[in-house]
Amino acid sequence: MLNLEPKSLWDYFQSLSRIPRPSGHEKAAADWVVSVAKAHRLPYERSAVGNVVIRVPATPGHEKAPVTILQGHLDMVCEKNSSSNHDFLKDPLALRQEGNTVKATGTTLGADNGIGVAMSLALLDDPASVHGPLELLFTVDEERGLNGVNGLTPGFIKGRRLLNLDTEEDGSIYVGCAGGQDTVLTLRVARAAAPDPRPVFKLSVTGLRGGHSGGDIHEGRGNANRLLVRTLQAMGRMGFGLVSVDGGSKRNAIPREAFAVFHMDKDQIGAARDAAAKMQATARLELKGLDDAVDISVEAGKAELPPLSPVSQTKLLTLLAAIPHGYTAFSRDIPGLVETSTNFAIVSTFKGKVEICTSQRSSVMSQLAWAADWVASIGRLAGARVVQSDGYPGWKPNLDSPILKAAQATFMRLYGVEPAPKAIHAGLECGIIGDKFPGMDMISIGPEIRNAHSPDEEVHIDSVQKTYKVLVDLLKDLA
């Protein structure tokens, strides 16, 4: 049990953390939000796709102020360490405090975006909160493709100024984000007609930090899928029979773990382990200071399928080696902002096919189309089937935004600093909201959250307090 201030905020966060809420499974979390609205005798509305809005009347004397929307998403990225038995569909998160941070044991924390949800709800219990009319908007299925916000319809929200609470950098105000698209390659594979009598082994790449494929892509953290393929290539002359390659689990997370199962003669396994050890040393040198704990090992394994045919094995490994990963360009307008990137997110092996999921991001739509076509072209050269999502729009900065000016003034009064407006390489729901509701005046703020989309996710306690103070004072200023 956390004993932190503001108490109401952290109580709401803990309550939400007890509710399983993977993307696509947010009904219980939405039911909980509705129960909070009912407990406060506030009107609410629930949409067909599962979004919830709570309508909060103005503090007496501020009824004529324009409606302000506070927005966050209910779902979370569900990543866990391979040693964890956590069931994200059943089990509550195991929260713990470490100094100035809150973490979850063995899993993602869900501060992205549970803290934003808790901040909105905490206002309902805060006697110091002064505000005009509010709409607390809680969307679903954000992490899997912004599907909840895509389902917003005219009239569901009335306001025309919005505070998104999904930013993860203390003291920053975001006014723009990248657009994104997924490119999925499916390669048909053939398998050997007869069983392979050789022993079965498993190559594992573990210990990487992973992270958000938007917010962390610029750091050059290790990608488990790429390291796995490099190790398999180094083992190429050892005559193994590849059964499967599996790595990553979320399209918007840098993969932390990857595994390959293969047959190999016993007298070659020593050389295979040497190759894995050499690749581990290489990876630790290349990723020094970023992913020092990477581990690459070969152990006894178990095969549930026959090995691939030699032709399919060669084609698959060649394709996997060609998949790009990382940033390709930085913005020339905003220093330090990644403009375009692609994430080699997931590889999954089935009996007759291997599926490769990648995601592209860019704040320049022509570059987004180019990056997606780049990956698609590689897939077509290998004879893979290519399926691309419709994608989602970016959010173009408006440096003349009235809510931006108000937020900067609030920060200056409270902390003596006027934050420069920023843009983020990750996708925010503001891009779609702006597309669906032209003229919406928007900014995004939030506390310091590090290593989102990985089991190392942490939220900084003092930053939560600071951001909540900004929120309360900004709403008072806007009223």
Protein backbone atom coordinates (compact mmCIF):
# COMPACT_ATOMS: atom_id res chain seq x y z
CA MET A 1 0.00 0.00 0.00
CA LEU A 2 1.45 3.34 -1.10
CA ASN A 3 1.22 6.19 1.40
CA LEU A 4 1.89 9.17 -0.81
CA GLU A 5 0.55 12.65 -1.49
CA PRO A 6 -1.72 13.77 -3.03
CA LYS A 7 -3.52 10.92 -1.27
CA SER A 8 -6.61 10.86 -3.46
CA LEU A 9 -4.52 10.74 -6.64
CA TRP A 10 -2.43 7.80 -5.45
CA ASP A 11 -5.50 6.00 -4.07
CA TYR A 12 -7.11 6.20 -7.51
CA PHE A 13 -3.91 4.97 -9.16
CA GLN A 14 -3.69 2.01 -6.80
CA SER A 15 -7.34 1.14 -7.36
CA LEU A 16 -6.86 1.23 -11.13
CA SER A 17 -3.69 -0.88 -10.80
CA ARG A 18 -5.74 -3.66 -9.24
CA ILE A 19 -7.88 -3.86 -12.39
CA PRO A 20 -6.44 -5.80 -15.38
CA ARG A 21 -6.60 -3.52 -18.41
CA PRO A 22 -4.68 -4.71 -21.47
CA SER A 23 -5.62 -2.98 -24.70
CA GLY A 24 -8.95 -4.38 -25.84
CA HIS A 25 -9.86 -5.51 -22.32
CA GLU A 26 -10.72 -2.25 -20.58
CA LYS A 27 -14.37 -2.93 -19.70
CA ALA A 28 -13.63 -3.47 -16.00
CA ALA A 29 -11.57 -0.28 -15.87
CA ALA A 30 -14.35 1.65 -17.63
CA ASP A 31 -16.88 0.17 -15.17
CA TRP A 32 -14.69 1.45 -12.35
CA VAL A 33 -14.59 4.96 -13.85
CA VAL A 34 -18.38 4.88 -14.13
CA SER A 35 -18.61 3.82 -10.47
CA VAL A 36 -16.53 6.88 -9.51
CA ALA A 37 -18.91 9.11 -11.47
CA LYS A 38 -21.90 7.54 -9.75
CA ALA A 39 -20.30 7.89 -6.31
CA HIS A 40 -19.90 11.63 -6.97
CA ARG A 41 -23.40 11.87 -8.52
CA LEU A 42 -21.98 13.17 -11.78
CA PRO A 43 -23.50 12.63 -15.23
CA TYR A 44 -21.50 10.40 -17.54
CA GLU A 45 -21.73 8.89 -20.99
CA ARG A 46 -20.31 5.66 -22.37
CA SER A 47 -19.77 5.16 -26.09
CA ALA A 48 -20.21 2.05 -28.18
CA VAL A 49 -16.44 1.53 -28.41
CA GLY A 50 -16.01 1.85 -24.63
CA ASN A 51 -14.88 5.45 -24.10
CA VAL A 52 -16.26 7.20 -21.01
CA VAL A 53 -16.81 10.91 -20.38
CA ILE A 54 -17.72 12.38 -16.98
CA ARG A 55 -19.25 15.85 -17.01
CA VAL A 56 -18.19 17.92 -14.03
CA PRO A 57 -20.02 21.18 -13.26
CA ALA A 58 -18.06 24.35 -12.67
CA THR A 59 -17.03 25.48 -9.24
CA PRO A 60 -19.67 28.01 -8.10
CA GLY A 61 -18.96 31.39 -9.65
CA HIS A 62 -17.15 29.95 -12.70
CA GLU A 63 -20.10 28.59 -14.67
CA LYS A 64 -19.51 30.90 -17.65
CA ALA A 65 -15.97 29.66 -18.32
CA PRO A 66 -15.50 27.56 -21.48
CA VAL A 67 -15.53 23.78 -21.06
CA THR A 68 -12.08 22.22 -20.58
CA ILE A 69 -11.50 18.56 -21.47
CA LEU A 70 -9.02 16.47 -19.47
CA GLN A 71 -8.09 13.38 -21.45
CA GLY A 72 -6.23 10.13 -20.80
CA HIS A 73 -6.45 6.47 -21.81
CA LEU A 74 -7.47 3.50 -19.68
CA ASP A 75 -5.41 0.72 -21.27
CA MET A 76 -1.75 -0.07 -20.64
CA VAL A 77 1.11 -1.86 -22.38
CA CYS A 78 1.47 -5.30 -20.81
CA GLU A 79 5.12 -6.32 -20.80
CA LYS A 80 6.72 -8.62 -18.24
CA ASN A 81 10.02 -10.32 -17.56
CA SER A 82 10.24 -13.93 -18.73
CA SER A 83 10.66 -14.99 -15.10
CA SER A 84 7.29 -13.46 -14.15
CA ASN A 85 4.12 -15.55 -13.93
CA HIS A 86 1.90 -12.48 -13.98
CA ASP A 87 -1.38 -12.89 -15.91
CA PHE A 88 -2.37 -9.48 -17.27
CA LEU A 89 -5.95 -10.65 -17.79
CA LYS A 90 -6.39 -11.69 -14.16
CA ASP A 91 -3.75 -10.39 -11.78
CA PRO A 92 -3.41 -6.98 -10.11
CA LEU A 93 -0.14 -5.14 -10.54
CA ALA A 94 2.34 -5.43 -7.65
CA LEU A 95 3.23 -1.82 -6.92
CA ARG A 96 6.21 -0.83 -4.82
CA GLN A 97 8.01 2.36 -3.86
CA GLU A 98 11.75 2.72 -4.38
CA GLY A 99 12.95 6.07 -3.10
CA ASN A 100 11.40 8.75 -5.28
CA THR A 101 9.87 6.27 -7.73
CA VAL A 102 6.95 3.88 -7.96
CA LYS A 103 7.42 0.66 -9.95
CA ALA A 104 5.68 -2.67 -10.50
CA THR A 105 7.43 -5.95 -9.73
CA GLY A 106 8.25 -7.88 -12.90
CA THR A 107 5.85 -5.98 -15.16
CA THR A 108 5.05 -2.65 -16.70
CA LEU A 109 3.64 -0.17 -14.19
CA GLY A 110 0.81 1.30 -16.24
CA ALA A 111 1.65 4.86 -15.17
CA ASP A 112 1.29 5.32 -18.92
CA ASN A 113 -1.51 6.40 -18.67
CA GLY A 114 -2.89 5.40 -15.27
CA ILE A 115 -1.34 8.45 -13.63
CA GLY A 116 -3.14 10.73 -16.07
CA VAL A 117 -6.43 8.98 -15.29
CA ALA A 118 -5.78 9.31 -11.55
CA MET A 119 -4.97 13.02 -11.86
CA SER A 120 -8.30 13.73 -13.53
CA LEU A 121 -10.28 11.81 -10.93
CA ALA A 122 -8.36 13.32 -7.99
CA LEU A 123 -9.84 16.71 -8.88
CA LEU A 124 -13.26 15.38 -7.85
CA ASP A 125 -12.10 15.05 -4.23
CA ASP A 126 -9.83 18.10 -4.02
CA PRO A 127 -11.34 20.95 -1.97
CA ALA A 128 -8.69 23.30 -3.40
CA SER A 129 -9.76 22.65 -6.99
CA VAL A 130 -11.36 25.65 -8.71
CA HIS A 131 -12.41 25.24 -12.32
CA GLY A 132 -14.92 25.93 -15.03
CA PRO A 133 -17.04 23.13 -16.54
CA LEU A 134 -14.96 20.00 -17.12
CA GLU A 135 -15.24 16.91 -19.26
CA LEU A 136 -13.10 14.03 -18.04
CA LEU A 137 -12.54 11.92 -21.15
CA PHE A 138 -11.20 8.37 -20.76
CA THR A 139 -10.45 6.51 -23.98
CA VAL A 140 -9.74 2.83 -24.61
CA ASP A 141 -7.37 0.80 -26.78
CA GLU A 142 -4.83 3.58 -27.20
CA GLU A 143 -1.72 1.44 -27.03
CA ARG A 144 -2.88 -0.99 -29.71
CA GLY A 145 -3.62 1.61 -32.35
CA LEU A 146 -5.48 4.63 -30.94
CA ASN A 147 -8.73 2.79 -31.60
CA GLY A 148 -10.77 4.34 -28.80
CA VAL A 149 -10.11 7.92 -29.81
CA ASN A 150 -10.72 6.90 -33.42
CA GLY A 151 -14.23 5.99 -32.30
CA LEU A 152 -15.07 9.44 -30.93
CA THR A 153 -18.22 10.85 -32.51
CA PRO A 154 -19.57 14.42 -32.74
CA GLY A 155 -21.36 15.46 -29.56
CA PHE A 156 -19.63 12.99 -27.25
CA ILE A 157 -17.45 15.86 -26.03
CA LYS A 158 -18.63 19.47 -25.98
CA GLY A 159 -15.44 21.35 -25.11
CA ARG A 160 -13.04 22.92 -27.57
CA ARG A 161 -9.92 23.11 -25.41
CA LEU A 162 -8.18 20.00 -24.16
CA LEU A 163 -5.47 18.98 -21.73
CA ASN A 164 -4.03 15.61 -22.66
CA LEU A 165 -2.35 14.03 -19.60
CA ASP A 166 -0.22 11.43 -21.42
CA THR A 167 3.16 13.15 -21.64
CA GLU A 168 6.07 11.53 -19.77
CA GLU A 169 8.50 14.39 -19.24
CA ASP A 170 8.47 16.58 -16.16
CA GLY A 171 8.10 20.31 -16.71
CA SER A 172 7.41 20.03 -20.43
CA ILE A 173 4.49 21.15 -22.56
CA TYR A 174 3.92 19.19 -25.75
CA VAL A 175 2.11 20.71 -28.70
CA GLY A 176 2.82 18.19 -31.46
CA CYS A 177 3.40 14.49 -32.13
CA ALA A 178 4.29 12.06 -34.87
CA GLY A 179 1.89 10.13 -37.03
CA GLY A 180 2.29 6.38 -37.33
CA GLN A 181 1.61 3.28 -39.38
CA ASP A 182 2.16 -0.48 -39.05
CA THR A 183 3.67 -2.68 -41.76
CA VAL A 184 3.22 -6.43 -41.29
CA LEU A 185 5.07 -8.98 -43.43
CA THR A 186 3.91 -12.60 -43.63
CA LEU A 187 6.34 -15.08 -45.16
CA ARG A 188 5.05 -18.52 -46.07
CA VAL A 189 7.51 -21.25 -45.08
CA ALA A 190 7.90 -24.94 -45.83
CA ARG A 191 9.01 -27.52 -43.30
CA ALA A 192 11.05 -30.71 -43.58
CA ALA A 193 9.01 -33.79 -44.45
CA ALA A 194 10.89 -36.03 -42.00
CA PRO A 195 11.76 -35.37 -38.31
CA ASP A 196 15.24 -34.12 -37.56
CA PRO A 197 16.97 -36.67 -35.27
CA ARG A 198 19.50 -34.16 -33.92
CA PRO A 199 19.14 -32.66 -30.44
CA VAL A 200 17.08 -29.50 -29.96
CA PHE A 201 18.52 -26.27 -28.56
CA LYS A 202 17.19 -22.82 -27.73
CA LEU A 203 19.00 -19.55 -28.38
CA SER A 204 17.87 -16.76 -26.04
CA VAL A 205 18.48 -13.03 -26.08
CA THR A 206 17.34 -11.47 -22.79
CA GLY A 207 18.22 -8.71 -20.33
CA LEU A 208 17.58 -5.76 -22.63
CA ARG A 209 15.75 -2.67 -21.40
CA GLY A 210 13.35 -2.38 -24.32
CA GLY A 211 11.25 0.76 -24.05
CA HIS A 212 8.86 2.91 -26.03
CA SER A 213 9.39 2.75 -29.77
CA GLY A 214 8.68 6.46 -30.01
CA GLY A 215 10.01 8.06 -26.85
CA ASP A 216 13.13 5.87 -26.53
CA ILE A 217 14.04 5.08 -30.15
CA HIS A 218 16.60 7.90 -30.29
CA GLU A 219 18.75 6.31 -27.57
CA GLY A 220 19.83 3.37 -29.72
CA ARG A 221 18.83 0.74 -27.16
CA GLY A 222 19.32 -2.90 -28.10
CA ASN A 223 16.71 -4.71 -30.18
CA ALA A 224 16.46 -8.36 -29.18
CA ASN A 225 15.16 -9.43 -32.60
CA ARG A 226 18.16 -7.98 -34.40
CA LEU A 227 20.65 -9.46 -31.94
CA LEU A 228 19.01 -12.86 -32.28
CA VAL A 229 19.29 -12.76 -36.06
CA ARG A 230 22.92 -11.62 -35.90
CA THR A 231 23.71 -14.55 -33.63
CA LEU A 232 21.97 -17.00 -35.95
CA GLN A 233 23.94 -15.59 -38.86
CA ALA A 234 27.16 -16.10 -36.90
CA MET A 235 26.13 -19.74 -36.43
CA GLY A 236 25.42 -20.16 -40.13
CA ARG A 237 28.29 -22.53 -40.94
CA MET A 238 27.33 -24.91 -38.11
CA GLY A 239 24.56 -26.56 -40.04
CA PHE A 240 21.56 -26.04 -37.78
CA GLY A 241 17.94 -26.73 -38.65
CA LEU A 242 15.82 -23.74 -37.61
CA VAL A 243 12.43 -24.50 -36.09
CA SER A 244 11.20 -21.09 -34.94
CA VAL A 245 12.09 -17.47 -34.30
CA ASP A 246 10.00 -15.48 -31.84
CA GLY A 247 10.68 -12.09 -30.29
CA GLY A 248 8.93 -8.99 -29.03
CA SER A 249 5.28 -8.74 -28.09
CA LYS A 250 4.07 -5.16 -28.72
CA ARG A 251 4.18 -3.17 -31.95
CA ASN A 252 5.01 0.03 -30.03
CA ALA A 253 7.71 -1.44 -27.78
CA ILE A 254 11.38 -2.06 -28.57
CA PRO A 255 11.73 -5.86 -28.13
CA ARG A 256 13.56 -6.89 -24.96
CA GLU A 257 13.65 -10.66 -25.48
CA ALA A 258 13.84 -13.01 -28.46
CA PHE A 259 14.24 -16.77 -28.89
CA ALA A 260 15.11 -19.26 -31.60
CA VAL A 261 14.68 -23.05 -31.49
CA PHE A 262 16.88 -25.23 -33.70
CA HIS A 263 18.33 -28.72 -34.24
CA MET A 264 22.11 -29.15 -34.24
CA ASP A 265 24.69 -31.93 -33.98
CA LYS A 266 26.05 -32.31 -30.46
CA ASP A 267 29.60 -31.83 -31.63
CA GLN A 268 28.69 -28.36 -32.95
CA ILE A 269 26.96 -27.00 -29.86
CA GLY A 270 30.22 -25.87 -28.27
CA ALA A 271 30.91 -23.69 -31.31
CA ALA A 272 27.34 -22.37 -31.17
CA ARG A 273 27.77 -21.37 -27.53
CA ASP A 274 31.06 -19.71 -28.39
CA ALA A 275 29.29 -17.73 -31.12
CA ALA A 276 26.59 -16.67 -28.65
CA ALA A 277 29.20 -15.62 -26.08
CA LYS A 278 31.10 -13.64 -28.71
CA MET A 279 27.90 -11.90 -29.83
CA GLN A 280 27.06 -11.11 -26.20
CA ALA A 281 30.47 -9.48 -25.75
CA THR A 282 30.01 -7.55 -29.00
CA ALA A 283 26.53 -6.41 -27.99
CA ARG A 284 27.69 -5.26 -24.56
CA LEU A 285 30.46 -3.25 -26.20
CA GLU A 286 28.13 -1.73 -28.80
CA LEU A 287 25.44 -0.99 -26.21
CA LYS A 288 27.70 0.10 -23.36
CA GLY A 289 25.82 2.38 -21.01
CA LEU A 290 22.51 1.53 -22.67
CA ASP A 291 22.02 -2.22 -22.31
CA ASP A 292 24.90 -3.55 -20.23
CA ALA A 293 22.89 -6.56 -18.97
CA VAL A 294 22.17 -8.15 -22.34
CA ASP A 295 22.50 -11.94 -22.15
CA ILE A 296 22.82 -14.30 -25.13
CA SER A 297 22.87 -18.02 -24.39
CA VAL A 298 22.27 -21.48 -25.87
CA GLU A 299 20.59 -24.18 -23.79
CA ALA A 300 18.70 -27.41 -24.36
CA GLY A 301 15.32 -26.82 -25.95
CA LYS A 302 12.11 -28.42 -27.10
CA ALA A 303 10.68 -28.42 -30.63
CA GLU A 304 6.97 -28.62 -31.34
CA LEU A 305 7.33 -28.37 -35.12
CA PRO A 306 9.65 -29.91 -37.74
CA PRO A 307 12.51 -27.67 -38.85
CA LEU A 308 12.15 -25.34 -41.82
CA SER A 309 13.28 -26.53 -45.20
CA PRO A 310 16.75 -25.26 -46.16
CA VAL A 311 15.28 -22.87 -48.73
CA SER A 312 12.75 -21.41 -46.26
CA GLN A 313 15.38 -21.10 -43.54
CA THR A 314 17.72 -19.14 -45.82
CA LYS A 315 14.92 -16.92 -47.09
CA LEU A 316 13.64 -16.19 -43.58
CA LEU A 317 17.02 -15.33 -42.09
CA THR A 318 17.85 -13.12 -45.07
CA LEU A 319 14.56 -11.28 -44.70
CA LEU A 320 14.96 -10.83 -40.94
CA ALA A 321 18.49 -9.51 -41.38
CA ALA A 322 17.21 -6.89 -43.83
CA ILE A 323 14.45 -5.45 -41.60
CA PRO A 324 15.50 -1.92 -40.57
CA HIS A 325 15.23 -0.58 -37.05
CA GLY A 326 15.88 2.80 -35.44
CA TYR A 327 15.63 6.46 -36.32
CA THR A 328 16.33 7.57 -39.86
CA ALA A 329 16.15 11.36 -39.51
CA PHE A 330 16.02 14.14 -36.93
CA SER A 331 13.85 17.22 -37.25
CA ARG A 332 15.49 20.32 -38.68
CA ASP A 333 12.90 22.52 -36.94
CA ILE A 334 12.90 21.19 -33.37
CA PRO A 335 16.39 20.33 -32.03
CA GLY A 336 16.69 16.79 -30.68
CA LEU A 337 13.32 15.60 -32.03
CA VAL A 338 13.39 12.36 -34.03
CA GLU A 339 11.52 13.02 -37.26
CA THR A 340 11.27 9.51 -38.73
CA SER A 341 11.86 6.00 -37.40
CA THR A 342 10.92 2.36 -37.83
CA ASN A 343 10.67 -0.34 -35.16
CA PHE A 344 11.37 -4.05 -35.81
CA ALA A 345 8.81 -4.94 -33.17
CA ILE A 346 7.66 -8.56 -33.32
CA VAL A 347 8.52 -11.80 -35.08
CA SER A 348 6.21 -14.79 -34.56
CA THR A 349 6.56 -18.30 -36.00
CA PHE A 350 3.62 -20.51 -36.93
CA LYS A 351 3.48 -23.86 -38.68
CA GLY A 352 3.37 -22.58 -42.24
CA LYS A 353 4.29 -18.93 -41.88
CA VAL A 354 6.38 -16.37 -40.03
CA GLU A 355 4.83 -12.98 -39.24
CA ILE A 356 6.95 -9.86 -38.82
CA CYS A 357 5.35 -6.75 -37.33
CA THR A 358 7.02 -3.37 -37.76
CA SER A 359 5.85 0.16 -36.98
CA GLN A 360 6.84 3.43 -38.59
CA ARG A 361 6.56 6.96 -37.16
CA SER A 362 7.16 10.41 -38.58
CA SER A 363 6.10 14.01 -38.06
CA VAL A 364 6.36 14.44 -41.83
CA MET A 365 3.65 12.45 -43.59
CA SER A 366 5.65 12.00 -46.81
CA GLN A 367 8.50 10.51 -44.75
CA LEU A 368 6.05 8.22 -42.93
CA ALA A 369 4.84 6.91 -46.29
CA TRP A 370 8.44 6.43 -47.47
CA ALA A 371 9.50 4.52 -44.33
CA ALA A 372 6.47 2.23 -44.55
CA ASP A 373 7.13 1.62 -48.25
CA TRP A 374 10.80 0.85 -47.49
CA VAL A 375 9.85 -2.01 -45.18
CA ALA A 376 7.11 -3.17 -47.55
CA SER A 377 9.58 -3.27 -50.46
CA ILE A 378 11.96 -5.48 -48.48
CA GLY A 379 9.08 -7.83 -47.71
CA ARG A 380 7.98 -8.01 -51.35
CA LEU A 381 11.52 -8.81 -52.47
CA ALA A 382 11.41 -11.85 -50.17
CA GLY A 383 7.99 -12.88 -51.49
CA ALA A 384 6.18 -11.98 -48.27
CA ARG A 385 2.60 -10.77 -48.13
CA VAL A 386 2.46 -7.14 -47.00
CA VAL A 387 -0.40 -5.62 -45.01
CA GLN A 388 -0.28 -2.01 -43.86
CA SER A 389 -2.57 -0.24 -41.42
CA ASP A 390 -4.36 2.97 -42.28
CA GLY A 391 -2.14 4.75 -39.77
CA TYR A 392 -2.98 7.83 -37.75
CA PRO A 393 -2.28 11.52 -38.27
CA GLY A 394 0.31 13.60 -36.54
CA TRP A 395 -0.48 16.68 -34.45
CA LYS A 396 0.81 19.92 -35.98
CA PRO A 397 2.08 22.40 -33.37
CA ASN A 398 0.16 25.64 -32.86
CA LEU A 399 2.55 28.03 -31.15
CA ASP A 400 -0.21 30.66 -30.87
CA SER A 401 -2.43 28.33 -28.83
CA PRO A 402 -4.24 30.17 -25.97
CA ILE A 403 -4.07 27.13 -23.69
CA LEU A 404 -0.32 26.89 -24.38
CA LYS A 405 0.16 30.53 -23.33
CA ALA A 406 -1.91 29.94 -20.20
CA ALA A 407 0.08 26.83 -19.25
CA GLN A 408 3.40 28.61 -19.76
CA ALA A 409 2.22 31.43 -17.48
CA THR A 410 1.14 28.89 -14.83
CA PHE A 411 4.52 27.14 -14.93
CA MET A 412 6.31 30.49 -14.70
CA ARG A 413 4.31 31.63 -11.69
CA LEU A 414 4.76 28.32 -9.83
CA TYR A 415 8.34 27.41 -10.72
CA GLY A 416 9.97 30.46 -12.29
CA VAL A 417 10.42 28.73 -15.67
CA GLU A 418 8.44 29.12 -18.87
CA PRO A 419 8.70 25.78 -20.71
CA ALA A 420 9.42 25.93 -24.40
CA PRO A 421 6.79 24.05 -26.40
CA LYS A 422 7.92 20.63 -27.59
CA ALA A 423 6.84 17.87 -29.94
CA ILE A 424 7.19 14.15 -29.31
CA HIS A 425 8.10 11.34 -31.67
CA ALA A 426 5.49 9.08 -30.10
CA GLY A 427 1.86 9.13 -31.16
CA LEU A 428 -0.61 10.99 -28.97
CA GLU A 429 -4.37 10.89 -29.20
CA CYS A 430 -4.30 14.65 -29.82
CA GLY A 431 -3.49 14.00 -33.48
CA ILE A 432 -6.77 12.18 -34.04
CA ILE A 433 -8.76 14.49 -31.78
CA GLY A 434 -7.50 17.47 -33.77
CA ASP A 435 -8.46 15.71 -37.00
CA LYS A 436 -11.96 14.85 -35.74
CA PHE A 437 -12.62 18.17 -34.01
CA PRO A 438 -10.99 20.92 -36.09
CA GLY A 439 -9.97 23.94 -34.08
CA MET A 440 -9.52 22.05 -30.81
CA ASP A 441 -7.01 23.98 -28.69
CA MET A 442 -4.70 21.38 -27.12
CA ILE A 443 -1.57 20.77 -25.10
CA SER A 444 -0.18 17.67 -23.38
CA ILE A 445 1.51 17.54 -19.96
CA GLY A 446 2.48 14.81 -17.54
CA PRO A 447 4.96 13.72 -14.87
CA GLU A 448 8.35 12.06 -15.32
CA ILE A 449 7.80 8.47 -16.47
CA ARG A 450 10.86 6.50 -17.53
CA ASN A 451 11.18 3.21 -19.43
CA ALA A 452 7.51 3.11 -20.40
CA HIS A 453 6.42 -0.05 -22.23
CA SER A 454 8.97 -2.12 -20.31
CA PRO A 455 9.10 -3.84 -16.88
CA ASP A 456 11.52 -1.11 -15.81
CA GLU A 457 8.78 1.52 -16.10
CA GLU A 458 8.83 4.00 -13.22
CA VAL A 459 7.04 7.21 -12.29
CA HIS A 460 8.71 9.88 -10.19
CA ILE A 461 6.73 10.78 -7.09
CA ASP A 462 7.88 14.40 -6.77
CA SER A 463 7.10 14.96 -10.44
CA VAL A 464 3.55 13.65 -9.97
CA GLN A 465 3.07 16.17 -7.15
CA LYS A 466 4.49 18.97 -9.29
CA THR A 467 2.38 18.13 -12.36
CA TYR A 468 -0.79 17.84 -10.32
CA LYS A 469 -0.10 21.27 -8.81
CA VAL A 470 0.30 22.69 -12.32
CA LEU A 471 -2.98 21.05 -13.36
CA VAL A 472 -4.92 22.47 -10.40
CA ASP A 473 -3.51 25.97 -10.85
CA LEU A 474 -3.92 25.94 -14.64
CA LEU A 475 -7.59 24.99 -14.35
CA LYS A 476 -8.07 27.83 -11.89
CA ASP A 477 -6.37 30.23 -14.30
CA LEU A 478 -8.56 29.01 -17.17
CA ALA A 479 -11.72 29.48 -15.07
